[in-house]
Amino acid sequence: MSEFEEKVIEMLKKIDQKLDKVLEMGSKAPAPQPTPAATSTASAASTVKPSALVEKQEEEEKMKEKPPVEGRRVCTKCGGTAFKTEEDKSNVLHQMGGIKIYAKRYICKSCGNES
């Protein structure tokens, strides 16, 4: 992460802390009586902390960057999807005319786990 990004994140954390303090002070002060229609939305908004919203947004961004993998080989140890293939000389699948067809071994590029 660049120095600029770290400074921005630090500033956002400070803002988040200040917002938490404001929300705490706001809950101690007497609030005006809202109308019944606005009560459900106001109470739901006041119970969610800004830090929880930021965490939810960060999680959504991570899911956009790396969507769940479907129909691809996935490493059982680390969850990686990059594999190196090698011929498994101990397992002959087929032999025709002196040419042997070997099974493949898949080795995870990130952790080295063999599947």
PDB file of N, CA and C in Angstrom:
ATOM      1  N   MET A   1       0.852  -1.164   0.000  1.00  0.00           N
ATOM      2  CA  MET A   1       0.000   0.000   0.000  1.00  0.00           C
ATOM      3  C   MET A   1       0.902   1.234   0.000  1.00  0.00           C
ATOM      4  N   SER A   2       0.545   2.226  -0.778  1.00  0.00           N
ATOM      5  CA  SER A   2       1.368   3.431  -0.881  1.00  0.00           C
ATOM      6  C   SER A   2       1.210   4.296   0.364  1.00  0.00           C
ATOM      7  N   GLU A   3       2.129   5.226   0.509  1.00  0.00           N
ATOM      8  CA  GLU A   3       2.118   6.125   1.670  1.00  0.00           C
ATOM      9  C   GLU A   3       0.856   6.983   1.672  1.00  0.00           C
ATOM     10  N   PHE A   4       0.438   7.415   0.491  1.00  0.00           N
ATOM     11  CA  PHE A   4      -0.778   8.228   0.375  1.00  0.00           C
ATOM     12  C   PHE A   4      -1.996   7.448   0.857  1.00  0.00           C
ATOM     13  N   GLU A   5      -2.096   6.192   0.415  1.00  0.00           N
ATOM     14  CA  GLU A   5      -3.241   5.371   0.819  1.00  0.00           C
ATOM     15  C   GLU A   5      -3.254   5.144   2.322  1.00  0.00           C
ATOM     16  N   GLU A   6      -2.067   4.944   2.920  1.00  0.00           N
ATOM     17  CA  GLU A   6      -1.990   4.756   4.363  1.00  0.00           C
ATOM     18  C   GLU A   6      -2.453   6.005   5.100  1.00  0.00           C
ATOM     19  N   LYS A   7      -2.077   7.185   4.599  1.00  0.00           N
ATOM     20  CA  LYS A   7      -2.508   8.434   5.233  1.00  0.00           C
ATOM     21  C   LYS A   7      -4.022   8.598   5.131  1.00  0.00           C
ATOM     22  N   VAL A   8      -4.578   8.249   3.973  1.00  0.00           N
ATOM     23  CA  VAL A   8      -6.023   8.369   3.791  1.00  0.00           C
ATOM     24  C   VAL A   8      -6.749   7.429   4.748  1.00  0.00           C
ATOM     25  N   ILE A   9      -6.258   6.201   4.876  1.00  0.00           N
ATOM     26  CA  ILE A   9      -6.894   5.241   5.786  1.00  0.00           C
ATOM     27  C   ILE A   9      -6.796   5.725   7.224  1.00  0.00           C
ATOM     28  N   GLU A  10      -5.653   6.297   7.594  1.00  0.00           N
ATOM     29  CA  GLU A  10      -5.486   6.831   8.943  1.00  0.00           C
ATOM     30  C   GLU A  10      -6.476   7.963   9.200  1.00  0.00           C
ATOM     31  N   MET A  11      -6.642   8.853   8.216  1.00  0.00           N
ATOM     32  CA  MET A  11      -7.595   9.955   8.359  1.00  0.00           C
ATOM     33  C   MET A  11      -9.020   9.424   8.477  1.00  0.00           C
ATOM     34  N   LEU A  12      -9.346   8.407   7.693  1.00  0.00           N
ATOM     35  CA  LEU A  12     -10.690   7.828   7.761  1.00  0.00           C
ATOM     36  C   LEU A  12     -10.946   7.183   9.116  1.00  0.00           C
ATOM     37  N   LYS A  13      -9.931   6.561   9.691  1.00  0.00           N
ATOM     38  CA  LYS A  13     -10.088   5.968  11.022  1.00  0.00           C
ATOM     39  C   LYS A  13     -10.353   7.047  12.062  1.00  0.00           C
ATOM     40  N   LYS A  14      -9.640   8.182  11.948  1.00  0.00           N
ATOM     41  CA  LYS A  14      -9.859   9.293  12.886  1.00  0.00           C
ATOM     42  C   LYS A  14     -11.279   9.840  12.741  1.00  0.00           C
ATOM     43  N   ILE A  15     -11.728   9.971  11.507  1.00  0.00           N
ATOM     44  CA  ILE A  15     -13.101  10.453  11.260  1.00  0.00           C
ATOM     45  C   ILE A  15     -14.102   9.477  11.848  1.00  0.00           C
ATOM     46  N   ASP A  16     -13.833   8.178  11.680  1.00  0.00           N
ATOM     47  CA  ASP A  16     -14.723   7.150  12.217  1.00  0.00           C
ATOM     48  C   ASP A  16     -14.816   7.252  13.737  1.00  0.00           C
ATOM     49  N   GLN A  17     -13.683   7.472  14.399  1.00  0.00           N
ATOM     50  CA  GLN A  17     -13.681   7.619  15.850  1.00  0.00           C
ATOM     51  C   GLN A  17     -14.483   8.850  16.280  1.00  0.00           C
ATOM     52  N   LYS A  18     -14.316   9.945  15.556  1.00  0.00           N
ATOM     53  CA  LYS A  18     -15.069  11.165  15.887  1.00  0.00           C
ATOM     54  C   LYS A  18     -16.559  10.956  15.682  1.00  0.00           C
ATOM     55  N   LEU A  19     -16.923  10.242  14.621  1.00  0.00           N
ATOM     56  CA  LEU A  19     -18.347   9.957  14.379  1.00  0.00           C
ATOM     57  C   LEU A  19     -18.926   9.079  15.488  1.00  0.00           C
ATOM     58  N   ASP A  20     -18.135   8.109  15.953  1.00  0.00           N
ATOM     59  CA  ASP A  20     -18.599   7.271  17.059  1.00  0.00           C
ATOM     60  C   ASP A  20     -18.858   8.113  18.313  1.00  0.00           C
ATOM     61  N   LYS A  21     -17.960   9.081  18.582  1.00  0.00           N
ATOM     62  CA  LYS A  21     -18.156   9.957  19.742  1.00  0.00           C
ATOM     63  C   LYS A  21     -19.408  10.802  19.584  1.00  0.00           C
ATOM     64  N   VAL A  22     -19.631  11.323  18.383  1.00  0.00           N
ATOM     65  CA  VAL A  22     -20.823  12.142  18.128  1.00  0.00           C
ATOM     66  C   VAL A  22     -22.085  11.313  18.312  1.00  0.00           C
ATOM     67  N   LEU A  23     -22.057  10.075  17.820  1.00  0.00           N
ATOM     68  CA  LEU A  23     -23.221   9.208  17.984  1.00  0.00           C
ATOM     69  C   LEU A  23     -23.480   8.899  19.451  1.00  0.00           C
ATOM     70  N   GLU A  24     -22.421   8.691  20.232  1.00  0.00           N
ATOM     71  CA  GLU A  24     -22.585   8.434  21.660  1.00  0.00           C
ATOM     72  C   GLU A  24     -23.171   9.653  22.366  1.00  0.00           C
ATOM     73  N   MET A  25     -22.679  10.830  22.016  1.00  0.00           N
ATOM     74  CA  MET A  25     -23.185  12.056  22.630  1.00  0.00           C
ATOM     75  C   MET A  25     -24.631  12.305  22.197  1.00  0.00           C
ATOM     76  N   GLY A  26     -24.934  11.987  20.946  1.00  0.00           N
ATOM     77  CA  GLY A  26     -26.283  12.187  20.433  1.00  0.00           C
ATOM     78  C   GLY A  26     -27.290  11.276  21.101  1.00  0.00           C
ATOM     79  N   SER A  27     -26.863  10.064  21.488  1.00  0.00           N
ATOM     80  CA  SER A  27     -27.789   9.146  22.139  1.00  0.00           C
ATOM     81  C   SER A  27     -28.069   9.568  23.579  1.00  0.00           C
ATOM     82  N   LYS A  28     -27.155  10.341  24.193  1.00  0.00           N
ATOM     83  CA  LYS A  28     -27.359  10.821  25.562  1.00  0.00           C
ATOM     84  C   LYS A  28     -28.292  12.023  25.597  1.00  0.00           C
ATOM     85  N   ALA A  29     -28.289  12.829  24.554  1.00  0.00           N
ATOM     86  CA  ALA A  29     -29.135  14.021  24.504  1.00  0.00           C
ATOM     87  C   ALA A  29     -30.566  13.605  24.206  1.00  0.00           C
ATOM     88  N   PRO A  30     -31.567  14.337  24.753  1.00  0.00           N
ATOM     89  CA  PRO A  30     -32.955  14.001  24.471  1.00  0.00           C
ATOM     90  C   PRO A  30     -33.287  14.286  23.005  1.00  0.00           C
ATOM     91  N   ALA A  31     -33.865  13.308  22.355  1.00  0.00           N
ATOM     92  CA  ALA A  31     -34.196  13.435  20.936  1.00  0.00           C
ATOM     93  C   ALA A  31     -35.651  13.852  20.786  1.00  0.00           C
ATOM     94  N   PRO A  32     -35.983  14.652  19.763  1.00  0.00           N
ATOM     95  CA  PRO A  32     -37.380  15.009  19.526  1.00  0.00           C
ATOM     96  C   PRO A  32     -38.167  13.767  19.124  1.00  0.00           C
ATOM     97  N   GLN A  33     -39.453  13.762  19.391  1.00  0.00           N
ATOM     98  CA  GLN A  33     -40.314  12.629  19.081  1.00  0.00           C
ATOM     99  C   GLN A  33     -40.578  12.563  17.582  1.00  0.00           C
ATOM    100  N   PRO A  34     -40.077  11.540  16.887  1.00  0.00           N
ATOM    101  CA  PRO A  34     -40.326  11.416  15.450  1.00  0.00           C
ATOM    102  C   PRO A  34     -41.717  10.860  15.178  1.00  0.00           C
ATOM    103  N   THR A  35     -42.135  11.003  13.935  1.00  0.00           N
ATOM    104  CA  THR A  35     -43.428  10.461  13.539  1.00  0.00           C
ATOM    105  C   THR A  35     -43.326   8.946  13.482  1.00  0.00           C
ATOM    106  N   PRO A  36     -44.438   8.207  13.603  1.00  0.00           N
ATOM    107  CA  PRO A  36     -44.379   6.741  13.585  1.00  0.00           C
ATOM    108  C   PRO A  36     -43.766   6.167  12.308  1.00  0.00           C
ATOM    109  N   ALA A  37     -43.953   6.799  11.158  1.00  0.00           N
ATOM    110  CA  ALA A  37     -43.405   6.277   9.899  1.00  0.00           C
ATOM    111  C   ALA A  37     -41.888   6.398   9.888  1.00  0.00           C
ATOM    112  N   ALA A  38     -41.355   7.453  10.459  1.00  0.00           N
ATOM    113  CA  ALA A  38     -39.917   7.679  10.454  1.00  0.00           C
ATOM    114  C   ALA A  38     -39.211   6.927  11.579  1.00  0.00           C
ATOM    115  N   THR A  39     -39.954   6.398  12.533  1.00  0.00           N
ATOM    116  CA  THR A  39     -39.356   5.724  13.678  1.00  0.00           C
ATOM    117  C   THR A  39     -38.565   4.494  13.265  1.00  0.00           C
ATOM    118  N   SER A  40     -39.103   3.672  12.369  1.00  0.00           N
ATOM    119  CA  SER A  40     -38.428   2.433  12.000  1.00  0.00           C
ATOM    120  C   SER A  40     -37.128   2.699  11.252  1.00  0.00           C
ATOM    121  N   THR A  41     -37.121   3.673  10.361  1.00  0.00           N
ATOM    122  CA  THR A  41     -35.895   3.968   9.612  1.00  0.00           C
ATOM    123  C   THR A  41     -34.879   4.673  10.489  1.00  0.00           C
ATOM    124  N   ALA A  42     -35.310   5.558  11.370  1.00  0.00           N
ATOM    125  CA  ALA A  42     -34.388   6.286  12.230  1.00  0.00           C
ATOM    126  C   ALA A  42     -33.748   5.354  13.243  1.00  0.00           C
ATOM    127  N   SER A  43     -34.505   4.432  13.808  1.00  0.00           N
ATOM    128  CA  SER A  43     -33.937   3.525  14.800  1.00  0.00           C
ATOM    129  C   SER A  43     -32.957   2.555  14.155  1.00  0.00           C
ATOM    130  N   ALA A  44     -33.237   2.126  12.937  1.00  0.00           N
ATOM    131  CA  ALA A  44     -32.324   1.216  12.243  1.00  0.00           C
ATOM    132  C   ALA A  44     -31.022   1.923  11.894  1.00  0.00           C
ATOM    133  N   ALA A  45     -31.108   3.194  11.502  1.00  0.00           N
ATOM    134  CA  ALA A  45     -29.918   3.946  11.125  1.00  0.00           C
ATOM    135  C   ALA A  45     -29.074   4.292  12.341  1.00  0.00           C
ATOM    136  N   SER A  46     -29.701   4.522  13.483  1.00  0.00           N
ATOM    137  CA  SER A  46     -28.950   4.924  14.662  1.00  0.00           C
ATOM    138  C   SER A  46     -28.237   3.745  15.317  1.00  0.00           C
ATOM    139  N   THR A  47     -28.691   2.514  15.101  1.00  0.00           N
ATOM    140  CA  THR A  47     -28.049   1.364  15.724  1.00  0.00           C
ATOM    141  C   THR A  47     -26.830   0.889  14.954  1.00  0.00           C
ATOM    142  N   VAL A  48     -26.704   1.219  13.679  1.00  0.00           N
ATOM    143  CA  VAL A  48     -25.563   0.780  12.874  1.00  0.00           C
ATOM    144  C   VAL A  48     -24.431   1.779  13.035  1.00  0.00           C
ATOM    145  N   LYS A  49     -23.265   1.281  13.466  1.00  0.00           N
ATOM    146  CA  LYS A  49     -22.109   2.155  13.639  1.00  0.00           C
ATOM    147  C   LYS A  49     -21.444   2.401  12.291  1.00  0.00           C
ATOM    148  N   PRO A  50     -20.862   3.567  12.111  1.00  0.00           N
ATOM    149  CA  PRO A  50     -20.174   3.851  10.853  1.00  0.00           C
ATOM    150  C   PRO A  50     -19.035   2.869  10.568  1.00  0.00           C
ATOM    151  N   SER A  51     -18.368   2.421  11.620  1.00  0.00           N
ATOM    152  CA  SER A  51     -17.268   1.471  11.409  1.00  0.00           C
ATOM    153  C   SER A  51     -17.784   0.165  10.818  1.00  0.00           C
ATOM    154  N   ALA A  52     -18.988  -0.245  11.209  1.00  0.00           N
ATOM    155  CA  ALA A  52     -19.572  -1.468  10.649  1.00  0.00           C
ATOM    156  C   ALA A  52     -19.893  -1.272   9.171  1.00  0.00           C
ATOM    157  N   LEU A  53     -20.351  -0.077   8.817  1.00  0.00           N
ATOM    158  CA  LEU A  53     -20.634   0.201   7.406  1.00  0.00           C
ATOM    159  C   LEU A  53     -19.356   0.184   6.580  1.00  0.00           C
ATOM    160  N   VAL A  54     -18.278   0.741   7.134  1.00  0.00           N
ATOM    161  CA  VAL A  54     -17.000   0.751   6.418  1.00  0.00           C
ATOM    162  C   VAL A  54     -16.500  -0.673   6.220  1.00  0.00           C
ATOM    163  N   GLU A  55     -16.613  -1.505   7.258  1.00  0.00           N
ATOM    164  CA  GLU A  55     -16.186  -2.900   7.149  1.00  0.00           C
ATOM    165  C   GLU A  55     -16.997  -3.636   6.090  1.00  0.00           C
ATOM    166  N   LYS A  56     -18.297  -3.370   6.049  1.00  0.00           N
ATOM    167  CA  LYS A  56     -19.157  -4.017   5.064  1.00  0.00           C
ATOM    168  C   LYS A  56     -18.758  -3.594   3.646  1.00  0.00           C
ATOM    169  N   GLN A  57     -18.465  -2.309   3.464  1.00  0.00           N
ATOM    170  CA  GLN A  57     -18.051  -1.819   2.149  1.00  0.00           C
ATOM    171  C   GLN A  57     -16.719  -2.437   1.728  1.00  0.00           C
ATOM    172  N   GLU A  58     -15.777  -2.569   2.674  1.00  0.00           N
ATOM    173  CA  GLU A  58     -14.487  -3.184   2.350  1.00  0.00           C
ATOM    174  C   GLU A  58     -14.672  -4.638   1.944  1.00  0.00           C
ATOM    175  N   GLU A  59     -15.560  -5.339   2.635  1.00  0.00           N
ATOM    176  CA  GLU A  59     -15.829  -6.744   2.301  1.00  0.00           C
ATOM    177  C   GLU A  59     -16.438  -6.867   0.912  1.00  0.00           C
ATOM    178  N   GLU A  60     -17.359  -5.963   0.569  1.00  0.00           N
ATOM    179  CA  GLU A  60     -17.969  -5.982  -0.764  1.00  0.00           C
ATOM    180  C   GLU A  60     -16.927  -5.713  -1.843  1.00  0.00           C
ATOM    181  N   GLU A  61     -15.978  -4.796  -1.577  1.00  0.00           N
ATOM    182  CA  GLU A  61     -14.928  -4.503  -2.544  1.00  0.00           C
ATOM    183  C   GLU A  61     -14.038  -5.718  -2.770  1.00  0.00           C
ATOM    184  N   LYS A  62     -13.721  -6.442  -1.693  1.00  0.00           N
ATOM    185  CA  LYS A  62     -12.900  -7.644  -1.825  1.00  0.00           C
ATOM    186  C   LYS A  62     -13.616  -8.696  -2.668  1.00  0.00           C
ATOM    187  N   MET A  63     -14.924  -8.821  -2.493  1.00  0.00           N
ATOM    188  CA  MET A  63     -15.684  -9.798  -3.268  1.00  0.00           C
ATOM    189  C   MET A  63     -15.716  -9.407  -4.741  1.00  0.00           C
ATOM    190  N   LYS A  64     -15.728  -8.086  -5.030  1.00  0.00           N
ATOM    191  CA  LYS A  64     -15.706  -7.642  -6.418  1.00  0.00           C
ATOM    192  C   LYS A  64     -14.363  -7.946  -7.056  1.00  0.00           C
ATOM    193  N   GLU A  65     -13.269  -7.753  -6.291  1.00  0.00           N
ATOM    194  CA  GLU A  65     -11.934  -7.996  -6.807  1.00  0.00           C
ATOM    195  C   GLU A  65     -11.709  -9.470  -7.099  1.00  0.00           C
ATOM    196  N   LYS A  66     -12.143 -10.339  -6.202  1.00  0.00           N
ATOM    197  CA  LYS A  66     -11.914 -11.768  -6.353  1.00  0.00           C
ATOM    198  C   LYS A  66     -13.237 -12.499  -6.139  1.00  0.00           C
ATOM    199  N   PRO A  67     -14.023 -12.657  -7.198  1.00  0.00           N
ATOM    200  CA  PRO A  67     -15.309 -13.334  -7.049  1.00  0.00           C
ATOM    201  C   PRO A  67     -15.121 -14.798  -6.685  1.00  0.00           C
ATOM    202  N   PRO A  68     -16.136 -15.420  -6.103  1.00  0.00           N
ATOM    203  CA  PRO A  68     -16.017 -16.830  -5.761  1.00  0.00           C
ATOM    204  C   PRO A  68     -15.783 -17.674  -7.012  1.00  0.00           C
ATOM    205  N   VAL A  69     -14.941 -18.672  -6.869  1.00  0.00           N
ATOM    206  CA  VAL A  69     -14.553 -19.504  -8.001  1.00  0.00           C
ATOM    207  C   VAL A  69     -15.528 -20.671  -8.130  1.00  0.00           C
ATOM    208  N   GLU A  70     -16.018 -20.872  -9.334  1.00  0.00           N
ATOM    209  CA  GLU A  70     -16.922 -21.991  -9.590  1.00  0.00           C
ATOM    210  C   GLU A  70     -16.412 -22.755 -10.793  1.00  0.00           C
ATOM    211  N   GLY A  71     -16.349 -24.075 -10.678  1.00  0.00           N
ATOM    212  CA  GLY A  71     -15.961 -24.900 -11.805  1.00  0.00           C
ATOM    213  C   GLY A  71     -14.475 -24.900 -12.089  1.00  0.00           C
ATOM    214  N   ARG A  72     -13.665 -24.415 -11.170  1.00  0.00           N
ATOM    215  CA  ARG A  72     -12.219 -24.421 -11.353  1.00  0.00           C
ATOM    216  C   ARG A  72     -11.577 -25.221 -10.247  1.00  0.00           C
ATOM    217  N   ARG A  73     -10.370 -25.670 -10.501  1.00  0.00           N
ATOM    218  CA  ARG A  73      -9.607 -26.404  -9.496  1.00  0.00           C
ATOM    219  C   ARG A  73      -9.181 -25.412  -8.414  1.00  0.00           C
ATOM    220  N   VAL A  74      -9.398 -25.800  -7.144  1.00  0.00           N
ATOM    221  CA  VAL A  74      -9.074 -24.939  -6.009  1.00  0.00           C
ATOM    222  C   VAL A  74      -8.200 -25.732  -5.043  1.00  0.00           C
ATOM    223  N   CYS A  75      -7.129 -25.110  -4.566  1.00  0.00           N
ATOM    224  CA  CYS A  75      -6.221 -25.760  -3.621  1.00  0.00           C
ATOM    225  C   CYS A  75      -6.942 -25.978  -2.295  1.00  0.00           C
ATOM    226  N   THR A  76      -6.781 -27.178  -1.725  1.00  0.00           N
ATOM    227  CA  THR A  76      -7.457 -27.493  -0.462  1.00  0.00           C
ATOM    228  C   THR A  76      -6.774 -26.840   0.729  1.00  0.00           C
ATOM    229  N   LYS A  77      -5.491 -26.488   0.576  1.00  0.00           N
ATOM    230  CA  LYS A  77      -4.768 -25.868   1.695  1.00  0.00           C
ATOM    231  C   LYS A  77      -4.968 -24.359   1.748  1.00  0.00           C
ATOM    232  N   CYS A  78      -4.654 -23.690   0.619  1.00  0.00           N
ATOM    233  CA  CYS A  78      -4.645 -22.222   0.649  1.00  0.00           C
ATOM    234  C   CYS A  78      -5.789 -21.580  -0.134  1.00  0.00           C
ATOM    235  N   GLY A  79      -6.523 -22.347  -0.923  1.00  0.00           N
ATOM    236  CA  GLY A  79      -7.625 -21.789  -1.699  1.00  0.00           C
ATOM    237  C   GLY A  79      -7.194 -21.150  -3.000  1.00  0.00           C
ATOM    238  N   GLY A  80      -5.915 -21.313  -3.374  1.00  0.00           N
ATOM    239  CA  GLY A  80      -5.407 -20.726  -4.615  1.00  0.00           C
ATOM    240  C   GLY A  80      -5.937 -21.454  -5.845  1.00  0.00           C
ATOM    241  N   THR A  81      -5.868 -20.775  -6.988  1.00  0.00           N
ATOM    242  CA  THR A  81      -6.371 -21.373  -8.231  1.00  0.00           C
ATOM    243  C   THR A  81      -5.287 -21.500  -9.293  1.00  0.00           C
ATOM    244  N   ALA A  82      -4.043 -21.146  -8.976  1.00  0.00           N
ATOM    245  CA  ALA A  82      -2.941 -21.246  -9.934  1.00  0.00           C
ATOM    246  C   ALA A  82      -2.191 -22.554  -9.682  1.00  0.00           C
ATOM    247  N   PHE A  83      -2.118 -23.393 -10.715  1.00  0.00           N
ATOM    248  CA  PHE A  83      -1.486 -24.690 -10.573  1.00  0.00           C
ATOM    249  C   PHE A  83      -0.452 -24.916 -11.662  1.00  0.00           C
ATOM    250  N   LYS A  84       0.558 -25.709 -11.327  1.00  0.00           N
ATOM    251  CA  LYS A  84       1.565 -26.156 -12.277  1.00  0.00           C
ATOM    252  C   LYS A  84       1.251 -27.629 -12.546  1.00  0.00           C
ATOM    253  N   THR A  85       1.224 -28.036 -13.822  1.00  0.00           N
ATOM    254  CA  THR A  85       0.920 -29.428 -14.158  1.00  0.00           C
ATOM    255  C   THR A  85       2.199 -30.157 -14.527  1.00  0.00           C
ATOM    256  N   GLU A  86       2.304 -31.381 -14.039  1.00  0.00           N
ATOM    257  CA  GLU A  86       3.415 -32.251 -14.360  1.00  0.00           C
ATOM    258  C   GLU A  86       2.866 -33.633 -14.684  1.00  0.00           C
ATOM    259  N   GLU A  87       3.609 -34.382 -15.481  1.00  0.00           N
ATOM    260  CA  GLU A  87       3.196 -35.752 -15.774  1.00  0.00           C
ATOM    261  C   GLU A  87       3.557 -36.636 -14.593  1.00  0.00           C
ATOM    262  N   ASP A  88       2.620 -37.508 -14.213  1.00  0.00           N
ATOM    263  CA  ASP A  88       2.845 -38.463 -13.136  1.00  0.00           C
ATOM    264  C   ASP A  88       3.323 -39.762 -13.770  1.00  0.00           C
ATOM    265  N   LYS A  89       4.646 -39.956 -13.806  1.00  0.00           N
ATOM    266  CA  LYS A  89       5.244 -41.104 -14.485  1.00  0.00           C
ATOM    267  C   LYS A  89       4.876 -42.435 -13.812  1.00  0.00           C
ATOM    268  N   SER A  90       4.413 -42.391 -12.573  1.00  0.00           N
ATOM    269  CA  SER A  90       4.045 -43.624 -11.879  1.00  0.00           C
ATOM    270  C   SER A  90       2.648 -44.109 -12.269  1.00  0.00           C
ATOM    271  N   ASN A  91       1.883 -43.297 -12.993  1.00  0.00           N
ATOM    272  CA  ASN A  91       0.514 -43.653 -13.335  1.00  0.00           C
ATOM    273  C   ASN A  91       0.317 -43.558 -14.850  1.00  0.00           C
ATOM    274  N   VAL A  92       0.392 -44.693 -15.536  1.00  0.00           N
ATOM    275  CA  VAL A  92       0.202 -44.748 -16.978  1.00  0.00           C
ATOM    276  C   VAL A  92      -1.290 -44.924 -17.248  1.00  0.00           C
ATOM    277  N   LEU A  93      -1.872 -43.994 -17.985  1.00  0.00           N
ATOM    278  CA  LEU A  93      -3.295 -44.079 -18.305  1.00  0.00           C
ATOM    279  C   LEU A  93      -3.552 -44.951 -19.527  1.00  0.00           C
ATOM    280  N   HIS A  94      -2.690 -44.792 -20.540  1.00  0.00           N
ATOM    281  CA  HIS A  94      -2.929 -45.481 -21.805  1.00  0.00           C
ATOM    282  C   HIS A  94      -1.611 -45.639 -22.548  1.00  0.00           C
ATOM    283  N   GLN A  95      -1.496 -46.737 -23.304  1.00  0.00           N
ATOM    284  CA  GLN A  95      -0.304 -46.947 -24.113  1.00  0.00           C
ATOM    285  C   GLN A  95      -0.739 -47.447 -25.483  1.00  0.00           C
ATOM    286  N   MET A  96      -0.297 -46.729 -26.518  1.00  0.00           N
ATOM    287  CA  MET A  96      -0.670 -47.123 -27.874  1.00  0.00           C
ATOM    288  C   MET A  96       0.536 -46.915 -28.782  1.00  0.00           C
ATOM    289  N   GLY A  97       0.964 -47.982 -29.418  1.00  0.00           N
ATOM    290  CA  GLY A  97       2.074 -47.885 -30.360  1.00  0.00           C
ATOM    291  C   GLY A  97       3.367 -47.429 -29.722  1.00  0.00           C
ATOM    292  N   GLY A  98       3.623 -47.797 -28.507  1.00  0.00           N
ATOM    293  CA  GLY A  98       4.859 -47.422 -27.834  1.00  0.00           C
ATOM    294  C   GLY A  98       4.811 -46.051 -27.191  1.00  0.00           C
ATOM    295  N   ILE A  99       3.724 -45.336 -27.372  1.00  0.00           N
ATOM    296  CA  ILE A  99       3.588 -44.010 -26.757  1.00  0.00           C
ATOM    297  C   ILE A  99       2.731 -44.144 -25.500  1.00  0.00           C
ATOM    298  N   LYS A 100       3.277 -43.691 -24.403  1.00  0.00           N
ATOM    299  CA  LYS A 100       2.556 -43.777 -23.130  1.00  0.00           C
ATOM    300  C   LYS A 100       1.897 -42.437 -22.823  1.00  0.00           C
ATOM    301  N   ILE A 101       0.670 -42.517 -22.353  1.00  0.00           N
ATOM    302  CA  ILE A 101      -0.065 -41.332 -21.891  1.00  0.00           C
ATOM    303  C   ILE A 101      -0.099 -41.416 -20.373  1.00  0.00           C
ATOM    304  N   TYR A 102       0.485 -40.402 -19.718  1.00  0.00           N
ATOM    305  CA  TYR A 102       0.566 -40.396 -18.264  1.00  0.00           C
ATOM    306  C   TYR A 102      -0.522 -39.501 -17.664  1.00  0.00           C
ATOM    307  N   ALA A 103      -0.829 -39.815 -16.404  1.00  0.00           N
ATOM    308  CA  ALA A 103      -1.755 -38.965 -15.660  1.00  0.00           C
ATOM    309  C   ALA A 103      -1.043 -37.653 -15.317  1.00  0.00           C
ATOM    310  N   LYS A 104      -1.818 -36.637 -14.938  1.00  0.00           N
ATOM    311  CA  LYS A 104      -1.234 -35.342 -14.582  1.00  0.00           C
ATOM    312  C   LYS A 104      -1.307 -35.135 -13.075  1.00  0.00           C
ATOM    313  N   ARG A 105      -0.292 -34.448 -12.572  1.00  0.00           N
ATOM    314  CA  ARG A 105      -0.295 -34.014 -11.182  1.00  0.00           C
ATOM    315  C   ARG A 105      -0.439 -32.509 -11.190  1.00  0.00           C
ATOM    316  N   TYR A 106      -1.255 -31.997 -10.295  1.00  0.00           N
ATOM    317  CA  TYR A 106      -1.462 -30.554 -10.189  1.00  0.00           C
ATOM    318  C   TYR A 106      -0.825 -30.076  -8.878  1.00  0.00           C
ATOM    319  N   ILE A 107       0.119 -29.133  -9.007  1.00  0.00           N
ATOM    320  CA  ILE A 107       0.841 -28.622  -7.851  1.00  0.00           C
ATOM    321  C   ILE A 107       0.525 -27.128  -7.718  1.00  0.00           C
ATOM    322  N   CYS A 108       0.038 -26.745  -6.543  1.00  0.00           N
ATOM    323  CA  CYS A 108      -0.335 -25.349  -6.287  1.00  0.00           C
ATOM    324  C   CYS A 108       0.917 -24.477  -6.351  1.00  0.00           C
ATOM    325  N   LYS A 109       0.827 -23.369  -7.079  1.00  0.00           N
ATOM    326  CA  LYS A 109       1.970 -22.479  -7.238  1.00  0.00           C
ATOM    327  C   LYS A 109       2.249 -21.661  -5.970  1.00  0.00           C
ATOM    328  N   SER A 110       1.237 -21.440  -5.141  1.00  0.00           N
ATOM    329  CA  SER A 110       1.455 -20.599  -3.970  1.00  0.00           C
ATOM    330  C   SER A 110       1.935 -21.386  -2.749  1.00  0.00           C
ATOM    331  N   CYS A 111       1.422 -22.612  -2.525  1.00  0.00           N
ATOM    332  CA  CYS A 111       1.805 -23.328  -1.313  1.00  0.00           C
ATOM    333  C   CYS A 111       2.515 -24.656  -1.601  1.00  0.00           C
ATOM    334  N   GLY A 112       2.490 -25.152  -2.847  1.00  0.00           N
ATOM    335  CA  GLY A 112       3.180 -26.388  -3.185  1.00  0.00           C
ATOM    336  C   GLY A 112       2.384 -27.647  -2.886  1.00  0.00           C
ATOM    337  N   ASN A 113       1.142 -27.502  -2.484  1.00  0.00           N
ATOM    338  CA  ASN A 113       0.303 -28.667  -2.188  1.00  0.00           C
ATOM    339  C   ASN A 113       0.001 -29.420  -3.489  1.00  0.00           C
ATOM    340  N   GLU A 114       0.085 -30.742  -3.435  1.00  0.00           N
ATOM    341  CA  GLU A 114      -0.154 -31.560  -4.616  1.00  0.00           C
ATOM    342  C   GLU A 114      -1.548 -32.157  -4.553  1.00  0.00           C
ATOM    343  N   SER A 115      -2.273 -32.030  -5.657  1.00  0.00           N
ATOM    344  CA  SER A 115      -3.623 -32.627  -5.701  1.00  0.00           C
ATOM    345  C   SER A 115      -3.814 -33.407  -6.977  1.00  0.00           C
TER     346      SER A 115
END
